[in-house]
Protein backbone atom coordinates (compact mmCIF):
# COMPACT_ATOMS: atom_id res chain seq x y z
CA UNK A 1 8.12 12.00 -0.91
CA UNK A 2 9.31 10.14 2.19
CA UNK A 3 8.02 12.89 4.51
CA UNK A 4 4.56 13.01 2.94
CA UNK A 5 3.58 9.37 3.31
CA UNK A 6 2.01 8.63 6.69
CA UNK A 7 -0.84 6.52 8.09
CA UNK A 8 -3.45 8.95 6.76
CA UNK A 9 -2.00 8.72 3.25
CA UNK A 10 -1.94 4.91 3.39
CA UNK A 11 -5.57 4.81 4.57
CA UNK A 12 -6.72 7.14 1.80
CA UNK A 13 -4.66 5.27 -0.78
CA UNK A 14 -6.34 2.00 0.20
CA UNK A 15 -9.82 3.59 0.12
CA UNK A 16 -9.27 5.46 -3.14
CA UNK A 17 -7.16 3.11 -5.20
CA UNK A 18 -6.78 -0.13 -3.29
CA UNK A 19 -8.47 -3.51 -3.40
CA UNK A 20 -8.70 -6.67 -1.31
CA UNK A 21 -6.65 -9.55 -2.70
CA UNK A 22 -6.02 -12.92 -1.09
CA UNK A 23 -6.70 -11.59 2.44
CA UNK A 24 -4.29 -8.71 1.78
CA UNK A 25 -4.43 -5.36 0.02
CA UNK A 26 -3.34 -4.27 -3.45
CA UNK A 27 -2.30 -0.65 -3.90
CA UNK A 28 -2.92 0.25 -7.52
CA UNK A 29 0.19 1.75 -9.04
CA UNK A 30 -0.63 1.02 -12.69
CA UNK A 31 0.51 4.46 -13.86
CA UNK A 32 3.91 4.19 -12.16
CA UNK A 33 7.13 2.82 -13.61
CA UNK A 34 8.72 -0.18 -11.91
CA UNK A 35 11.41 2.15 -10.56
CA UNK A 36 8.77 4.39 -8.96
CA UNK A 37 6.93 1.39 -7.51
CA UNK A 38 10.16 0.12 -5.93
CA UNK A 39 10.76 3.60 -4.49
CA UNK A 40 7.28 3.57 -2.91
CA UNK A 41 7.86 0.05 -1.58
CA UNK A 42 11.12 1.17 0.02
CA UNK A 43 9.43 4.15 1.67
CA UNK A 44 6.72 1.83 3.04
CA UNK A 45 9.39 -0.58 4.31
CA UNK A 46 11.44 2.10 6.03
CA UNK A 47 8.58 4.13 7.52
CA UNK A 48 6.18 1.35 8.51
CA UNK A 49 8.36 -1.79 8.55
CA UNK A 50 6.02 -3.40 6.00
CA UNK A 51 7.40 -5.97 3.62
CA UNK A 52 5.51 -5.62 0.35
CA UNK A 53 5.72 -7.44 -2.96
CA UNK A 54 5.00 -6.57 -6.56
CA UNK A 55 2.04 -8.26 -8.22
CA UNK A 56 1.39 -7.67 -11.89
CA UNK A 57 -2.06 -7.07 -13.32
CA UNK A 58 -2.23 -6.81 -17.12
CA UNK A 59 1.51 -6.22 -17.14
CA UNK A 60 1.28 -3.30 -14.70
CA UNK A 61 3.05 -3.39 -11.32
CA UNK A 62 1.00 -3.13 -8.14
CA UNK A 63 2.07 -3.11 -4.52
CA UNK A 64 0.74 -6.04 -2.48
CA UNK A 65 0.58 -6.00 1.32
CA UNK A 66 -0.24 -9.42 2.76
CA UNK A 67 -2.52 -9.91 5.76
CA UNK A 68 0.30 -10.39 8.28
CA UNK A 69 2.01 -7.16 7.24
CA UNK A 70 -1.29 -5.25 7.03
CA UNK A 71 -2.10 -6.25 10.61
CA UNK A 72 1.01 -4.34 11.74
CA UNK A 73 -0.55 -1.00 10.77
CA UNK A 74 -4.29 -1.71 10.83
CA UNK A 75 -4.65 -0.15 14.28
CA UNK A 76 -3.07 3.09 13.02
CA UNK A 77 -4.92 3.41 9.70
CA UNK A 78 -8.39 2.19 10.72
CA UNK A 79 -9.47 5.53 12.30
CA UNK A 80 -8.99 7.24 8.94
CA UNK A 81 -11.26 4.93 6.95
CA UNK A 82 -14.59 6.40 5.89
CA UNK A 83 -17.57 4.20 6.66
CA UNK A 84 -19.92 3.48 3.80
């Protein structure tokens, strides 16, 4: 999975199943186990140097990227966002 996640994937993930939260972004991972969420967080840390945290919504783990961390990759993902 490590080789498949890139800036395009992150941009589409945010557009398709992400949400703004507290000036940051939540990546919805409700269907994933905690082990799978941690795996995804580690991939994001290694590939993009983004420190993420787990936020729970209705007992389900979600990946949270705060504003400071999001700003590190915004330049790279912004071209892939679809304008509404």
